[in-house]
Amino acid sequence: MKDSLKAVSYGEILWDVFPDGKKLGGAPLNLCLRLKSLGVSVDMISRLGTDALAEETRAKLDLLDLNQSLIQEDDELETGQVLVTLDDSGSASYEIKEPVAWDAIAISKENQKAVAHADLFIFGSLAARCETSRATLKELLPQSKYAVFDVNLRAPHYKMEHLVQFMKQAQMVKMNDEELEILADHFDIKSGAIEDQLAQISKETDTSLICVTLGKAGAVLYKDGKLHAHPGYPTTVVDTVGAGDSFLGGLLYQLFKEESEPEYALGFACALGAMVAGKKGANPKITKDEILDKMEE
């Protein structure tokens, strides 16, 4: 086990607006809060407006005891919002407002220093949709010790050229099965076998660690040329918002803090993701002991 693990999460802080109310979220923030709940030292690089929603955000983050020193303020753009629609199975679709404050994250000495001193630098594709935040990300990446790219495709908020560029700069890439299909098509991979697809993507992007979540079917981890798999855990889905973010948080915690074997790390991450999907909202309170109990069922 590693004595300490320091992570920096980069990207959007936003409010998911559901038909019956709103919840604070954004994949990088969800991940950040989950890592924090697991005992990882973590900072968040983002940007808020100066509106009432920003005040509410900061008050909420104070209650969650999250360091806000790297969360910038924007006098012109408003705090991010996403309109969330859930289908009968609990799966979410999103209408993401643009431009908003997190599209304009600026480079600073403070965020450069934080990234350089962190063990993990985690970022997603949504925060790269606009030029300012994308340019900042490009400046921060070379300073990171180990970059983790969460491929989080929300059409029309991405360009394939940017995705491939960021995959090549990351040491680890995480995606879901639908995103894998899009990438396999882009790289013109003929094989339908997931191991062949990941081997080819690994070769094209020089990435030795790729994780793919498969919904109810669990997840796979391609590590140094070998495929590891976990079938997942059954759950009654309430909503899927944030489940993938918590999955990634659990996986990173096990791989880099606990230094667990891939199969165990996948099992822990699948259990955590299933538990989040079985509760309302992106960041329900779940203890480490509860995750271990789920794994023993």
C-alpha atoms as a PDB file:
ATOM      1  CA  MET A   1       0.000   0.000   0.000  1.00  0.00           C
ATOM      2  CA  LYS A   2       1.212   3.513  -0.827  1.00  0.00           C
ATOM      3  CA  ASP A   3       1.500   5.800   2.226  1.00  0.00           C
ATOM      4  CA  SER A   4      -0.227   8.685   0.482  1.00  0.00           C
ATOM      5  CA  LEU A   5      -1.742   9.457  -2.905  1.00  0.00           C
ATOM      6  CA  LYS A   6      -2.180  12.980  -4.267  1.00  0.00           C
ATOM      7  CA  ALA A   7      -4.562  13.587  -7.167  1.00  0.00           C
ATOM      8  CA  VAL A   8      -5.745  16.602  -9.149  1.00  0.00           C
ATOM      9  CA  SER A   9      -9.035  16.508 -11.052  1.00  0.00           C
ATOM     10  CA  TYR A  10      -9.533  18.974 -13.934  1.00  0.00           C
ATOM     11  CA  GLY A  11     -12.734  20.135 -15.574  1.00  0.00           C
ATOM     12  CA  GLU A  12     -16.367  20.911 -15.108  1.00  0.00           C
ATOM     13  CA  ILE A  13     -18.271  21.729 -11.959  1.00  0.00           C
ATOM     14  CA  LEU A  14     -21.959  21.995 -12.789  1.00  0.00           C
ATOM     15  CA  TRP A  15     -25.462  21.447 -11.534  1.00  0.00           C
ATOM     16  CA  ASP A  16     -27.445  18.517 -12.905  1.00  0.00           C
ATOM     17  CA  VAL A  17     -31.015  19.814 -13.159  1.00  0.00           C
ATOM     18  CA  PHE A  18     -33.492  16.933 -12.852  1.00  0.00           C
ATOM     19  CA  PRO A  19     -37.274  17.186 -13.296  1.00  0.00           C
ATOM     20  CA  ASP A  20     -37.656  17.173  -9.495  1.00  0.00           C
ATOM     21  CA  GLY A  21     -34.705  19.374  -8.489  1.00  0.00           C
ATOM     22  CA  LYS A  22     -30.978  19.949  -8.950  1.00  0.00           C
ATOM     23  CA  LYS A  23     -27.812  18.205  -7.762  1.00  0.00           C
ATOM     24  CA  LEU A  24     -24.214  19.397  -7.761  1.00  0.00           C
ATOM     25  CA  GLY A  25     -22.050  17.347 -10.109  1.00  0.00           C
ATOM     26  CA  GLY A  26     -19.870  17.201 -13.199  1.00  0.00           C
ATOM     27  CA  ALA A  27     -17.739  14.094 -13.806  1.00  0.00           C
ATOM     28  CA  PRO A  28     -14.433  15.601 -12.538  1.00  0.00           C
ATOM     29  CA  LEU A  29     -16.100  16.839  -9.340  1.00  0.00           C
ATOM     30  CA  ASN A  30     -17.929  13.539  -8.786  1.00  0.00           C
ATOM     31  CA  LEU A  31     -14.606  11.732  -9.162  1.00  0.00           C
ATOM     32  CA  CYS A  32     -12.887  14.216  -6.871  1.00  0.00           C
ATOM     33  CA  LEU A  33     -15.468  13.754  -4.108  1.00  0.00           C
ATOM     34  CA  ARG A  34     -15.368   9.954  -4.407  1.00  0.00           C
ATOM     35  CA  LEU A  35     -11.570   9.881  -4.177  1.00  0.00           C
ATOM     36  CA  LYS A  36     -11.765  12.178  -1.144  1.00  0.00           C
ATOM     37  CA  SER A  37     -14.287   9.841   0.528  1.00  0.00           C
ATOM     38  CA  LEU A  38     -11.788   6.995   0.041  1.00  0.00           C
ATOM     39  CA  GLY A  39      -9.033   8.927   1.793  1.00  0.00           C
ATOM     40  CA  VAL A  40      -7.146  10.259  -1.231  1.00  0.00           C
ATOM     41  CA  SER A  41      -5.732  13.813  -1.034  1.00  0.00           C
ATOM     42  CA  VAL A  42      -7.346  15.567  -3.985  1.00  0.00           C
ATOM     43  CA  ASP A  43      -7.660  19.066  -5.490  1.00  0.00           C
ATOM     44  CA  MET A  44     -10.107  20.332  -8.092  1.00  0.00           C
ATOM     45  CA  ILE A  45      -9.197  22.705 -10.933  1.00  0.00           C
ATOM     46  CA  SER A  46     -12.322  24.366 -12.333  1.00  0.00           C
ATOM     47  CA  ARG A  47     -14.112  27.696 -12.744  1.00  0.00           C
ATOM     48  CA  LEU A  48     -17.430  29.104 -11.492  1.00  0.00           C
ATOM     49  CA  GLY A  49     -19.351  32.262 -12.264  1.00  0.00           C
ATOM     50  CA  THR A  50     -20.127  35.003  -9.750  1.00  0.00           C
ATOM     51  CA  ASP A  51     -23.858  34.252  -9.772  1.00  0.00           C
ATOM     52  CA  ALA A  52     -26.142  32.894  -7.065  1.00  0.00           C
ATOM     53  CA  LEU A  53     -25.472  29.351  -8.284  1.00  0.00           C
ATOM     54  CA  ALA A  54     -21.737  29.879  -7.715  1.00  0.00           C
ATOM     55  CA  GLU A  55     -22.409  30.976  -4.125  1.00  0.00           C
ATOM     56  CA  GLU A  56     -24.536  27.874  -3.608  1.00  0.00           C
ATOM     57  CA  THR A  57     -21.771  25.732  -5.136  1.00  0.00           C
ATOM     58  CA  ARG A  58     -19.065  27.130  -2.853  1.00  0.00           C
ATOM     59  CA  ALA A  59     -21.266  26.732   0.206  1.00  0.00           C
ATOM     60  CA  LYS A  60     -21.903  23.099  -0.724  1.00  0.00           C
ATOM     61  CA  LEU A  61     -18.207  22.425  -1.325  1.00  0.00           C
ATOM     62  CA  ASP A  62     -17.412  24.008   2.048  1.00  0.00           C
ATOM     63  CA  LEU A  63     -19.778  21.528   3.688  1.00  0.00           C
ATOM     64  CA  LEU A  64     -17.998  18.731   1.807  1.00  0.00           C
ATOM     65  CA  ASP A  65     -14.655  20.114   3.059  1.00  0.00           C
ATOM     66  CA  LEU A  66     -13.198  20.330  -0.444  1.00  0.00           C
ATOM     67  CA  ASN A  67     -10.240  22.666  -1.028  1.00  0.00           C
ATOM     68  CA  GLN A  68     -11.416  25.439  -3.383  1.00  0.00           C
ATOM     69  CA  SER A  69      -8.150  27.309  -3.884  1.00  0.00           C
ATOM     70  CA  LEU A  70      -7.857  26.130  -7.521  1.00  0.00           C
ATOM     71  CA  ILE A  71     -11.506  26.826  -8.401  1.00  0.00           C
ATOM     72  CA  GLN A  72     -11.451  30.107 -10.325  1.00  0.00           C
ATOM     73  CA  GLU A  73     -14.056  32.870 -10.609  1.00  0.00           C
ATOM     74  CA  ASP A  74     -15.476  34.302 -13.843  1.00  0.00           C
ATOM     75  CA  ASP A  75     -17.185  37.710 -13.976  1.00  0.00           C
ATOM     76  CA  GLU A  76     -18.790  37.146 -17.379  1.00  0.00           C
ATOM     77  CA  LEU A  77     -19.780  33.489 -17.764  1.00  0.00           C
ATOM     78  CA  GLU A  78     -22.343  31.768 -15.570  1.00  0.00           C
ATOM     79  CA  THR A  79     -21.900  28.648 -13.468  1.00  0.00           C
ATOM     80  CA  GLY A  80     -22.483  25.461 -15.449  1.00  0.00           C
ATOM     81  CA  GLN A  81     -25.843  23.715 -15.668  1.00  0.00           C
ATOM     82  CA  VAL A  82     -27.022  20.524 -17.381  1.00  0.00           C
ATOM     83  CA  LEU A  83     -30.625  19.537 -18.001  1.00  0.00           C
ATOM     84  CA  VAL A  84     -30.910  15.813 -17.208  1.00  0.00           C
ATOM     85  CA  THR A  85     -33.632  13.526 -18.557  1.00  0.00           C
ATOM     86  CA  LEU A  86     -34.019   9.978 -17.243  1.00  0.00           C
ATOM     87  CA  ASP A  87     -35.652   7.200 -19.284  1.00  0.00           C
ATOM     88  CA  ASP A  88     -37.720   4.350 -17.812  1.00  0.00           C
ATOM     89  CA  SER A  89     -34.579   2.335 -16.992  1.00  0.00           C
ATOM     90  CA  GLY A  90     -32.919   5.225 -15.145  1.00  0.00           C
ATOM     91  CA  SER A  91     -30.392   5.960 -17.906  1.00  0.00           C
ATOM     92  CA  ALA A  92     -29.624   9.648 -18.286  1.00  0.00           C
ATOM     93  CA  SER A  93     -29.442  11.971 -21.295  1.00  0.00           C
ATOM     94  CA  TYR A  94     -28.011  15.478 -21.026  1.00  0.00           C
ATOM     95  CA  GLU A  95     -28.484  18.977 -22.445  1.00  0.00           C
ATOM     96  CA  ILE A  96     -25.285  20.833 -21.548  1.00  0.00           C
ATOM     97  CA  LYS A  97     -25.300  24.661 -21.584  1.00  0.00           C
ATOM     98  CA  GLU A  98     -22.499  26.422 -23.492  1.00  0.00           C
ATOM     99  CA  PRO A  99     -20.458  28.547 -22.951  1.00  0.00           C
ATOM    100  CA  VAL A 100     -20.215  28.568 -19.165  1.00  0.00           C
ATOM    101  CA  ALA A 101     -17.503  29.369 -16.614  1.00  0.00           C
ATOM    102  CA  TRP A 102     -15.708  26.001 -16.759  1.00  0.00           C
ATOM    103  CA  ASP A 103     -15.156  26.520 -20.492  1.00  0.00           C
ATOM    104  CA  ALA A 104     -12.747  29.342 -19.558  1.00  0.00           C
ATOM    105  CA  ILE A 105     -10.344  27.729 -17.047  1.00  0.00           C
ATOM    106  CA  ALA A 106      -7.141  29.802 -17.149  1.00  0.00           C
ATOM    107  CA  ILE A 107      -3.577  28.620 -16.719  1.00  0.00           C
ATOM    108  CA  SER A 108      -1.992  29.761 -13.441  1.00  0.00           C
ATOM    109  CA  LYS A 109       1.156  29.163 -11.427  1.00  0.00           C
ATOM    110  CA  GLU A 110      -1.027  27.610  -8.734  1.00  0.00           C
ATOM    111  CA  ASN A 111      -2.644  24.971 -10.933  1.00  0.00           C
ATOM    112  CA  GLN A 112       0.682  24.251 -12.672  1.00  0.00           C
ATOM    113  CA  LYS A 113       2.318  23.630  -9.283  1.00  0.00           C
ATOM    114  CA  ALA A 114      -0.566  21.419  -8.125  1.00  0.00           C
ATOM    115  CA  VAL A 115      -0.388  19.221 -11.229  1.00  0.00           C
ATOM    116  CA  ALA A 116       3.404  18.925 -11.061  1.00  0.00           C
ATOM    117  CA  HIS A 117       3.254  17.748  -7.432  1.00  0.00           C
ATOM    118  CA  ALA A 118       0.359  15.300  -7.864  1.00  0.00           C
ATOM    119  CA  ASP A 119       0.716  11.544  -8.397  1.00  0.00           C
ATOM    120  CA  LEU A 120      -2.338  11.512 -10.676  1.00  0.00           C
ATOM    121  CA  PHE A 121      -3.764  14.162 -13.005  1.00  0.00           C
ATOM    122  CA  ILE A 122      -7.287  13.207 -14.109  1.00  0.00           C
ATOM    123  CA  PHE A 123      -9.198  14.971 -16.883  1.00  0.00           C
ATOM    124  CA  GLY A 124     -12.137  14.356 -19.198  1.00  0.00           C
ATOM    125  CA  SER A 125     -13.060  15.214 -22.756  1.00  0.00           C
ATOM    126  CA  LEU A 126     -15.960  17.551 -21.938  1.00  0.00           C
ATOM    127  CA  ALA A 127     -13.683  20.196 -20.413  1.00  0.00           C
ATOM    128  CA  ALA A 128     -11.783  20.309 -23.716  1.00  0.00           C
ATOM    129  CA  ARG A 129     -14.803  21.356 -25.792  1.00  0.00           C
ATOM    130  CA  CYS A 130     -13.836  25.074 -25.777  1.00  0.00           C
ATOM    131  CA  GLU A 131     -10.502  26.605 -26.718  1.00  0.00           C
ATOM    132  CA  THR A 132      -9.571  28.299 -23.417  1.00  0.00           C
ATOM    133  CA  SER A 133      -9.968  25.282 -21.133  1.00  0.00           C
ATOM    134  CA  ARG A 134      -8.491  23.037 -23.842  1.00  0.00           C
ATOM    135  CA  ALA A 135      -5.400  25.273 -24.134  1.00  0.00           C
ATOM    136  CA  THR A 136      -4.954  25.230 -20.350  1.00  0.00           C
ATOM    137  CA  LEU A 137      -5.229  21.448 -20.347  1.00  0.00           C
ATOM    138  CA  LYS A 138      -2.573  21.212 -23.067  1.00  0.00           C
ATOM    139  CA  GLU A 139      -0.207  23.296 -20.911  1.00  0.00           C
ATOM    140  CA  LEU A 140      -0.836  21.249 -17.777  1.00  0.00           C
ATOM    141  CA  LEU A 141      -0.499  17.767 -19.277  1.00  0.00           C
ATOM    142  CA  PRO A 142       3.286  17.822 -19.898  1.00  0.00           C
ATOM    143  CA  GLN A 143       3.781  18.723 -16.217  1.00  0.00           C
ATOM    144  CA  SER A 144       1.853  15.721 -14.912  1.00  0.00           C
ATOM    145  CA  LYS A 145       3.552  12.587 -13.575  1.00  0.00           C
ATOM    146  CA  TYR A 146       0.685  10.259 -14.580  1.00  0.00           C
ATOM    147  CA  ALA A 147      -2.305  11.412 -16.620  1.00  0.00           C
ATOM    148  CA  VAL A 148      -5.686   9.641 -16.596  1.00  0.00           C
ATOM    149  CA  PHE A 149      -8.087  10.483 -19.441  1.00  0.00           C
ATOM    150  CA  ASP A 150     -11.785   9.853 -18.831  1.00  0.00           C
ATOM    151  CA  VAL A 151     -13.329   9.666 -22.303  1.00  0.00           C
ATOM    152  CA  ASN A 152     -16.741  11.214 -21.586  1.00  0.00           C
ATOM    153  CA  LEU A 153     -18.401  11.685 -24.962  1.00  0.00           C
ATOM    154  CA  ARG A 154     -21.398  14.000 -25.005  1.00  0.00           C
ATOM    155  CA  ALA A 155     -22.322  14.832 -28.613  1.00  0.00           C
ATOM    156  CA  PRO A 156     -21.792  17.405 -30.042  1.00  0.00           C
ATOM    157  CA  HIS A 157     -19.230  18.476 -27.421  1.00  0.00           C
ATOM    158  CA  TYR A 158     -16.120  16.762 -28.780  1.00  0.00           C
ATOM    159  CA  LYS A 159     -13.889  16.423 -31.833  1.00  0.00           C
ATOM    160  CA  MET A 160     -12.160  13.168 -32.673  1.00  0.00           C
ATOM    161  CA  GLU A 161      -8.819  14.889 -33.348  1.00  0.00           C
ATOM    162  CA  HIS A 162      -8.783  16.238 -29.772  1.00  0.00           C
ATOM    163  CA  LEU A 163      -9.725  12.836 -28.321  1.00  0.00           C
ATOM    164  CA  VAL A 164      -6.870  11.059 -30.078  1.00  0.00           C
ATOM    165  CA  GLN A 165      -4.395  13.760 -29.093  1.00  0.00           C
ATOM    166  CA  PHE A 166      -5.343  13.482 -25.419  1.00  0.00           C
ATOM    167  CA  MET A 167      -5.301   9.680 -25.502  1.00  0.00           C
ATOM    168  CA  LYS A 168      -1.726   9.845 -26.765  1.00  0.00           C
ATOM    169  CA  GLN A 169      -0.759  12.146 -23.882  1.00  0.00           C
ATOM    170  CA  ALA A 170      -2.370  10.020 -21.156  1.00  0.00           C
ATOM    171  CA  GLN A 171      -0.886   6.994 -19.435  1.00  0.00           C
ATOM    172  CA  MET A 172      -4.356   5.577 -18.666  1.00  0.00           C
ATOM    173  CA  VAL A 173      -7.665   5.880 -20.536  1.00  0.00           C
ATOM    174  CA  LYS A 174     -11.149   5.005 -19.280  1.00  0.00           C
ATOM    175  CA  MET A 175     -14.291   4.777 -21.448  1.00  0.00           C
ATOM    176  CA  ASN A 176     -17.629   2.956 -21.645  1.00  0.00           C
ATOM    177  CA  ASP A 177     -18.678   0.351 -24.220  1.00  0.00           C
ATOM    178  CA  GLU A 178     -20.479   2.883 -26.435  1.00  0.00           C
ATOM    179  CA  GLU A 179     -17.396   5.110 -26.489  1.00  0.00           C
ATOM    180  CA  LEU A 180     -15.237   2.105 -27.340  1.00  0.00           C
ATOM    181  CA  GLU A 181     -17.477   1.457 -30.339  1.00  0.00           C
ATOM    182  CA  ILE A 182     -16.993   5.045 -31.565  1.00  0.00           C
ATOM    183  CA  LEU A 183     -13.217   4.841 -31.141  1.00  0.00           C
ATOM    184  CA  ALA A 184     -12.973   1.397 -32.770  1.00  0.00           C
ATOM    185  CA  ASP A 185     -14.846   2.800 -35.753  1.00  0.00           C
ATOM    186  CA  HIS A 186     -12.506   5.814 -35.909  1.00  0.00           C
ATOM    187  CA  PHE A 187      -9.412   3.598 -35.884  1.00  0.00           C
ATOM    188  CA  ASP A 188     -11.063   1.316 -38.480  1.00  0.00           C
ATOM    189  CA  ILE A 189     -10.780  -1.762 -36.263  1.00  0.00           C
ATOM    190  CA  LYS A 190     -12.539  -4.673 -37.982  1.00  0.00           C
ATOM    191  CA  SER A 191     -12.554  -7.157 -35.088  1.00  0.00           C
ATOM    192  CA  GLY A 192     -15.598  -7.207 -32.799  1.00  0.00           C
ATOM    193  CA  ALA A 193     -13.605  -8.805 -29.970  1.00  0.00           C
ATOM    194  CA  ILE A 194     -12.980  -6.327 -27.167  1.00  0.00           C
ATOM    195  CA  GLU A 195      -9.462  -7.628 -26.533  1.00  0.00           C
ATOM    196  CA  ASP A 196      -8.503  -7.053 -30.180  1.00  0.00           C
ATOM    197  CA  GLN A 197     -10.050  -3.582 -30.130  1.00  0.00           C
ATOM    198  CA  LEU A 198      -8.173  -2.533 -26.986  1.00  0.00           C
ATOM    199  CA  ALA A 199      -4.896  -4.017 -28.256  1.00  0.00           C
ATOM    200  CA  GLN A 200      -5.209  -1.954 -31.421  1.00  0.00           C
ATOM    201  CA  ILE A 201      -6.208   1.245 -29.591  1.00  0.00           C
ATOM    202  CA  SER A 202      -3.321   0.699 -27.172  1.00  0.00           C
ATOM    203  CA  LYS A 203      -0.955   0.434 -30.127  1.00  0.00           C
ATOM    204  CA  GLU A 204      -2.406   3.467 -31.941  1.00  0.00           C
ATOM    205  CA  THR A 205      -2.246   5.712 -28.858  1.00  0.00           C
ATOM    206  CA  ASP A 206       0.707   4.185 -26.985  1.00  0.00           C
ATOM    207  CA  THR A 207      -1.496   3.654 -23.910  1.00  0.00           C
ATOM    208  CA  SER A 208      -0.667   0.635 -21.747  1.00  0.00           C
ATOM    209  CA  LEU A 209      -3.691   0.858 -19.416  1.00  0.00           C
ATOM    210  CA  ILE A 210      -7.245   1.070 -20.788  1.00  0.00           C
ATOM    211  CA  CYS A 211     -10.460   0.456 -18.847  1.00  0.00           C
ATOM    212  CA  VAL A 212     -13.904  -0.090 -20.375  1.00  0.00           C
ATOM    213  CA  THR A 213     -17.117  -0.178 -18.363  1.00  0.00           C
ATOM    214  CA  LEU A 214     -19.794  -2.508 -19.760  1.00  0.00           C
ATOM    215  CA  GLY A 215     -22.917  -1.469 -17.832  1.00  0.00           C
ATOM    216  CA  LYS A 216     -24.632  -4.493 -16.249  1.00  0.00           C
ATOM    217  CA  ALA A 217     -21.875  -6.735 -17.655  1.00  0.00           C
ATOM    218  CA  GLY A 218     -19.191  -5.218 -15.413  1.00  0.00           C
ATOM    219  CA  ALA A 219     -15.892  -3.940 -16.775  1.00  0.00           C
ATOM    220  CA  VAL A 220     -12.583  -4.918 -18.377  1.00  0.00           C
ATOM    221  CA  LEU A 221      -9.071  -3.625 -17.838  1.00  0.00           C
ATOM    222  CA  TYR A 222      -6.400  -3.931 -20.537  1.00  0.00           C
ATOM    223  CA  LYS A 223      -3.048  -3.697 -18.789  1.00  0.00           C
ATOM    224  CA  ASP A 224       0.336  -4.255 -20.415  1.00  0.00           C
ATOM    225  CA  GLY A 225      -1.108  -6.469 -23.136  1.00  0.00           C
ATOM    226  CA  LYS A 226      -3.345  -8.587 -20.896  1.00  0.00           C
ATOM    227  CA  LEU A 227      -7.131  -8.372 -20.522  1.00  0.00           C
ATOM    228  CA  HIS A 228      -8.688  -8.591 -17.030  1.00  0.00           C
ATOM    229  CA  ALA A 229     -12.455  -8.785 -16.568  1.00  0.00           C
ATOM    230  CA  HIS A 230     -15.116  -8.595 -13.861  1.00  0.00           C
ATOM    231  CA  PRO A 231     -18.801  -9.481 -14.462  1.00  0.00           C
ATOM    232  CA  GLY A 232     -20.111  -6.715 -12.192  1.00  0.00           C
ATOM    233  CA  TYR A 233     -22.698  -6.787  -9.399  1.00  0.00           C
ATOM    234  CA  PRO A 234     -26.485  -6.828  -9.706  1.00  0.00           C
ATOM    235  CA  THR A 235     -28.312  -3.696  -8.615  1.00  0.00           C
ATOM    236  CA  THR A 236     -31.709  -2.082  -8.983  1.00  0.00           C
ATOM    237  CA  VAL A 237     -30.882   1.067 -10.951  1.00  0.00           C
ATOM    238  CA  VAL A 238     -32.298   4.323  -9.602  1.00  0.00           C
ATOM    239  CA  ASP A 239     -30.196   6.520 -11.883  1.00  0.00           C
ATOM    240  CA  THR A 240     -26.829   6.082 -13.574  1.00  0.00           C
ATOM    241  CA  VAL A 241     -25.618   9.670 -12.995  1.00  0.00           C
ATOM    242  CA  GLY A 242     -22.135   9.560 -11.473  1.00  0.00           C
ATOM    243  CA  ALA A 243     -21.849   5.756 -11.383  1.00  0.00           C
ATOM    244  CA  GLY A 244     -19.000   5.747 -13.912  1.00  0.00           C
ATOM    245  CA  ASP A 245     -17.210   8.535 -12.034  1.00  0.00           C
ATOM    246  CA  SER A 246     -17.333   6.599  -8.766  1.00  0.00           C
ATOM    247  CA  PHE A 247     -16.237   3.459 -10.616  1.00  0.00           C
ATOM    248  CA  LEU A 248     -13.148   5.303 -11.856  1.00  0.00           C
ATOM    249  CA  GLY A 249     -12.488   6.718  -8.392  1.00  0.00           C
ATOM    250  CA  GLY A 250     -12.636   3.244  -6.874  1.00  0.00           C
ATOM    251  CA  LEU A 251     -10.400   1.803  -9.582  1.00  0.00           C
ATOM    252  CA  LEU A 252      -7.742   4.506  -9.192  1.00  0.00           C
ATOM    253  CA  TYR A 253      -7.840   4.156  -5.411  1.00  0.00           C
ATOM    254  CA  GLN A 254      -7.225   0.416  -5.606  1.00  0.00           C
ATOM    255  CA  LEU A 255      -4.607   0.502  -8.375  1.00  0.00           C
ATOM    256  CA  PHE A 256      -2.541   3.431  -7.102  1.00  0.00           C
ATOM    257  CA  LYS A 257      -3.199   3.740  -3.338  1.00  0.00           C
ATOM    258  CA  GLU A 258      -3.816   0.147  -2.270  1.00  0.00           C
ATOM    259  CA  GLU A 259      -1.662  -1.126  -5.167  1.00  0.00           C
ATOM    260  CA  SER A 260      -4.098  -4.021  -5.658  1.00  0.00           C
ATOM    261  CA  GLU A 261      -4.072  -6.610  -8.438  1.00  0.00           C
ATOM    262  CA  PRO A 262      -6.196  -5.697 -11.508  1.00  0.00           C
ATOM    263  CA  GLU A 263      -8.961  -8.261 -10.803  1.00  0.00           C
ATOM    264  CA  TYR A 264      -9.476  -7.052  -7.226  1.00  0.00           C
ATOM    265  CA  ALA A 265      -9.351  -3.392  -8.272  1.00  0.00           C
ATOM    266  CA  LEU A 266     -12.003  -4.056 -10.946  1.00  0.00           C
ATOM    267  CA  GLY A 267     -14.231  -5.848  -8.429  1.00  0.00           C
ATOM    268  CA  PHE A 268     -14.005  -2.968  -5.952  1.00  0.00           C
ATOM    269  CA  ALA A 269     -14.754  -0.415  -8.682  1.00  0.00           C
ATOM    270  CA  CYS A 270     -17.703  -2.445 -10.048  1.00  0.00           C
ATOM    271  CA  ALA A 271     -19.202  -2.808  -6.562  1.00  0.00           C
ATOM    272  CA  LEU A 272     -18.908   0.938  -5.942  1.00  0.00           C
ATOM    273  CA  GLY A 273     -20.363   1.835  -9.346  1.00  0.00           C
ATOM    274  CA  ALA A 274     -23.311  -0.526  -8.825  1.00  0.00           C
ATOM    275  CA  MET A 275     -24.025   0.976  -5.401  1.00  0.00           C
ATOM    276  CA  VAL A 276     -24.041   4.524  -6.800  1.00  0.00           C
ATOM    277  CA  ALA A 277     -26.379   3.470  -9.643  1.00  0.00           C
ATOM    278  CA  GLY A 278     -28.711   2.028  -6.994  1.00  0.00           C
ATOM    279  CA  LYS A 279     -29.029   5.387  -5.226  1.00  0.00           C
ATOM    280  CA  LYS A 280     -30.291   8.819  -6.255  1.00  0.00           C
ATOM    281  CA  GLY A 281     -27.765  11.405  -7.397  1.00  0.00           C
ATOM    282  CA  ALA A 282     -24.090  11.288  -8.345  1.00  0.00           C
ATOM    283  CA  ASN A 283     -22.462  11.413  -4.906  1.00  0.00           C
ATOM    284  CA  PRO A 284     -24.337   9.306  -2.339  1.00  0.00           C
ATOM    285  CA  LYS A 285     -22.424   8.542   0.863  1.00  0.00           C
ATOM    286  CA  ILE A 286     -20.900   5.060   0.642  1.00  0.00           C
ATOM    287  CA  THR A 287     -18.269   3.796   3.065  1.00  0.00           C
ATOM    288  CA  LYS A 288     -15.328   1.548   2.263  1.00  0.00           C
ATOM    289  CA  ASP A 289     -16.813  -1.122   4.544  1.00  0.00           C
ATOM    290  CA  GLU A 290     -20.095  -1.026   2.607  1.00  0.00           C
ATOM    291  CA  ILE A 291     -18.191  -1.576  -0.653  1.00  0.00           C
ATOM    292  CA  LEU A 292     -16.310  -4.548   0.844  1.00  0.00           C
ATOM    293  CA  ASP A 293     -19.620  -5.998   2.108  1.00  0.00           C
ATOM    294  CA  LYS A 294     -21.057  -5.687  -1.409  1.00  0.00           C
ATOM    295  CA  MET A 295     -18.035  -7.556  -2.789  1.00  0.00           C
ATOM    296  CA  GLU A 296     -18.640 -10.422  -0.347  1.00  0.00           C
ATOM    297  CA  GLU A 297     -22.321 -10.897  -1.298  1.00  0.00           C
END
